[in-house]
């Protein structure tokens, strides 16, 4: 099932009816990209929820039948990447007309550094869309990547980061195959 912007906001509008208080919800991945008009739809719904709102959101989510896959992680965790505490401040308010949900999308830079973790071809296309629309630069991506924690084998994240940076920014063939996260010249 493909979920467009309208379907996503309708789902959240219904979900807010089950909330007992106002909460912040941060969309991530393809969900954030759909709400930021970077892609027309997503195949599932992904959120990271501030810890103080996480249990309330999960409770409401269980109460609303939705028929599609929903993933949510607490407090800046996105798939297997832990974003720094400033992820919420850097996120973008998407829809402010909701009464009980402050709907936000992960910042395009944070979308990029979280998608690097898996980096399949669809992820790379999503990264390219963020870089192109928002003018993200190699130094910005490298700097933000240094601030995340990867849950798993760190070397895998570094290899994916090197691959993504090379494909995005290195226009000429290069003998260099790896950049270190700590390499300030990259």
Protein backbone atom coordinates (compact mmCIF):
# COMPACT_ATOMS: atom_id res chain seq x y z
CA UNK A 1 0.00 0.00 0.00
CA UNK A 2 1.35 3.40 -0.98
CA UNK A 3 0.74 6.24 1.46
CA UNK A 4 0.63 9.81 0.21
CA UNK A 5 0.72 13.07 2.17
CA UNK A 6 -3.08 13.26 2.46
CA UNK A 7 -3.37 9.67 3.74
CA UNK A 8 -0.62 10.27 6.31
CA UNK A 9 -2.23 13.42 7.68
CA UNK A 10 -5.69 11.79 7.75
CA UNK A 11 -4.22 8.89 9.75
CA UNK A 12 -2.59 11.27 12.25
CA UNK A 13 -5.75 13.36 12.51
CA UNK A 14 -7.66 10.22 13.47
CA UNK A 15 -4.90 9.12 15.85
CA UNK A 16 -4.93 12.43 17.73
CA UNK A 17 -8.50 11.67 18.78
CA UNK A 18 -7.09 8.97 21.03
CA UNK A 19 -4.52 11.24 22.69
CA UNK A 20 -5.09 12.61 26.17
CA UNK A 21 -2.61 15.48 25.71
CA UNK A 22 -0.65 17.36 23.09
CA UNK A 23 2.47 15.55 21.84
CA UNK A 24 5.26 16.01 19.32
CA UNK A 25 5.66 13.45 16.55
CA UNK A 26 8.70 13.41 14.26
CA UNK A 27 8.37 11.59 10.96
CA UNK A 28 11.50 9.97 9.57
CA UNK A 29 12.64 8.23 6.39
CA UNK A 30 10.20 8.07 3.50
CA UNK A 31 7.40 9.39 5.71
CA UNK A 32 9.33 12.61 6.36
CA UNK A 33 10.28 12.84 2.70
CA UNK A 34 6.64 12.51 1.66
CA UNK A 35 5.56 15.27 4.06
CA UNK A 36 8.44 17.47 2.82
CA UNK A 37 7.32 16.90 -0.79
CA UNK A 38 10.54 15.07 -1.69
CA UNK A 39 8.64 11.98 -2.83
CA UNK A 40 4.99 11.36 -3.66
CA UNK A 41 4.41 8.48 -1.23
CA UNK A 42 5.91 6.00 1.19
CA UNK A 43 5.37 2.28 1.71
CA UNK A 44 5.31 2.41 5.51
CA UNK A 45 5.15 4.99 8.28
CA UNK A 46 8.16 5.76 10.47
CA UNK A 47 8.42 8.00 13.54
CA UNK A 48 10.80 8.92 16.30
CA UNK A 49 8.93 10.24 19.32
CA UNK A 50 10.35 12.29 22.21
CA UNK A 51 10.60 10.02 25.26
CA UNK A 52 8.03 12.00 27.25
CA UNK A 53 5.43 11.38 24.50
CA UNK A 54 6.42 7.88 23.40
CA UNK A 55 4.08 5.80 25.61
CA UNK A 56 1.12 8.09 24.87
CA UNK A 57 1.73 7.75 21.13
CA UNK A 58 2.07 3.95 21.30
CA UNK A 59 -1.16 3.71 23.29
CA UNK A 60 -3.06 5.82 20.73
CA UNK A 61 -1.50 3.87 17.85
CA UNK A 62 -2.86 0.60 19.27
CA UNK A 63 -6.34 2.12 19.54
CA UNK A 64 -6.55 3.23 15.88
CA UNK A 65 -6.83 0.52 13.21
CA UNK A 66 -4.69 1.57 10.25
CA UNK A 67 -3.86 -1.41 8.02
CA UNK A 68 -0.28 -0.45 7.20
CA UNK A 69 3.12 -0.93 8.76
CA UNK A 70 4.09 1.65 11.40
CA UNK A 71 7.52 1.80 13.03
CA UNK A 72 8.33 4.08 15.93
CA UNK A 73 11.40 4.57 18.02
CA UNK A 74 11.97 6.71 21.09
CA UNK A 75 13.92 9.93 21.37
CA UNK A 76 15.95 10.33 18.20
CA UNK A 77 16.48 6.66 17.46
CA UNK A 78 15.87 5.96 13.77
CA UNK A 79 16.24 2.37 12.64
CA UNK A 80 19.73 1.61 14.03
CA UNK A 81 21.00 5.18 14.26
CA UNK A 82 20.81 7.32 17.39
CA UNK A 83 20.63 10.99 16.50
CA UNK A 84 22.02 13.66 18.84
CA UNK A 85 19.67 15.37 21.29
CA UNK A 86 19.23 18.34 18.92
CA UNK A 87 17.31 16.24 16.36
CA UNK A 88 13.99 17.64 17.59
CA UNK A 89 15.14 21.25 17.44
CA UNK A 90 16.51 20.69 13.91
CA UNK A 91 13.33 18.96 12.71
CA UNK A 92 10.82 20.84 10.55
CA UNK A 93 7.24 21.59 11.62
CA UNK A 94 5.05 20.13 8.90
CA UNK A 95 1.49 20.70 9.99
CA UNK A 96 0.53 22.95 12.85
CA UNK A 97 -3.27 22.83 12.50
CA UNK A 98 -3.60 19.62 14.47
CA UNK A 99 -4.90 20.15 17.99
CA UNK A 100 -3.03 17.41 19.83
CA UNK A 101 -0.09 16.62 17.52
CA UNK A 102 2.80 18.87 16.68
CA UNK A 103 3.76 17.14 13.42
CA UNK A 104 7.40 17.43 12.46
CA UNK A 105 9.68 15.90 9.83
CA UNK A 106 13.27 15.00 10.48
CA UNK A 107 15.59 17.62 9.00
CA UNK A 108 16.80 16.73 5.49
CA UNK A 109 20.36 16.43 6.84
CA UNK A 110 19.20 13.97 9.50
CA UNK A 111 17.24 12.04 6.86
CA UNK A 112 20.51 11.67 4.93
CA UNK A 113 22.63 10.47 7.88
CA UNK A 114 19.98 7.95 8.94
CA UNK A 115 19.51 6.57 5.42
CA UNK A 116 23.26 6.07 5.10
CA UNK A 117 23.01 3.30 7.70
CA UNK A 118 21.26 0.90 5.30
CA UNK A 119 22.14 2.55 1.96
CA UNK A 120 20.30 0.41 -0.53
CA UNK A 121 19.60 1.94 -3.95
CA UNK A 122 16.28 3.43 -2.86
CA UNK A 123 18.01 5.01 0.15
CA UNK A 124 20.66 6.49 -2.13
CA UNK A 125 17.97 8.00 -4.38
CA UNK A 126 16.33 9.50 -1.28
CA UNK A 127 19.68 10.92 -0.16
CA UNK A 128 20.21 12.42 -3.62
CA UNK A 129 16.78 14.07 -3.47
CA UNK A 130 17.60 15.67 -0.09
CA UNK A 131 21.03 16.83 -1.25
CA UNK A 132 19.63 18.31 -4.45
CA UNK A 133 16.56 20.07 -3.03
CA UNK A 134 18.23 21.41 0.10
CA UNK A 135 21.73 22.03 -1.27
CA UNK A 136 23.37 19.82 1.34
CA UNK A 137 27.14 19.72 1.12
CA UNK A 138 29.78 17.10 1.70
CA UNK A 139 31.16 18.90 4.81
CA UNK A 140 27.64 19.18 6.29
CA UNK A 141 26.95 15.49 5.82
CA UNK A 142 30.34 14.41 7.17
CA UNK A 143 30.02 16.70 10.20
CA UNK A 144 26.52 15.46 11.05
CA UNK A 145 27.54 11.82 10.49
CA UNK A 146 30.23 12.31 13.16
CA UNK A 147 27.53 13.13 15.70
CA UNK A 148 25.34 10.03 15.30
CA UNK A 149 25.74 6.72 17.06
CA UNK A 150 25.36 3.64 14.91
CA UNK A 151 24.00 0.59 16.72
CA UNK A 152 25.88 -2.24 15.11
CA UNK A 153 29.25 -2.57 13.48
CA UNK A 154 30.57 1.03 13.19
CA UNK A 155 32.69 0.06 10.20
CA UNK A 156 29.54 -0.69 8.21
CA UNK A 157 28.26 2.84 8.72
CA UNK A 158 31.63 4.30 7.77
CA UNK A 159 31.79 2.21 4.60
CA UNK A 160 28.27 3.32 3.62
CA UNK A 161 29.14 6.94 4.39
CA UNK A 162 32.25 6.74 2.21
CA UNK A 163 30.27 5.14 -0.61
CA UNK A 164 27.47 7.73 -0.45
CA UNK A 165 29.85 10.70 -0.28
CA UNK A 166 31.89 9.36 -3.18
CA UNK A 167 28.81 8.80 -5.35
CA UNK A 168 27.33 12.19 -4.49
CA UNK A 169 30.32 14.48 -4.59
CA UNK A 170 33.40 12.89 -6.13
CA UNK A 171 32.93 13.67 -9.81
CA UNK A 172 36.32 12.38 -10.90
CA UNK A 173 37.60 8.80 -10.52
CA UNK A 174 39.59 8.37 -7.35
CA UNK A 175 41.98 5.81 -5.93
CA UNK A 176 40.73 6.68 -2.45
CA UNK A 177 38.25 4.09 -1.31
CA UNK A 178 37.67 5.17 2.29
CA UNK A 179 37.18 8.39 4.19
CA UNK A 180 37.47 8.36 7.94
CA UNK A 181 34.68 9.96 9.93
CA UNK A 182 37.44 11.94 11.61
CA UNK A 183 39.08 13.06 8.36
CA UNK A 184 38.66 16.84 8.22
CA UNK A 185 39.94 16.96 4.64
CA UNK A 186 37.20 14.73 3.27
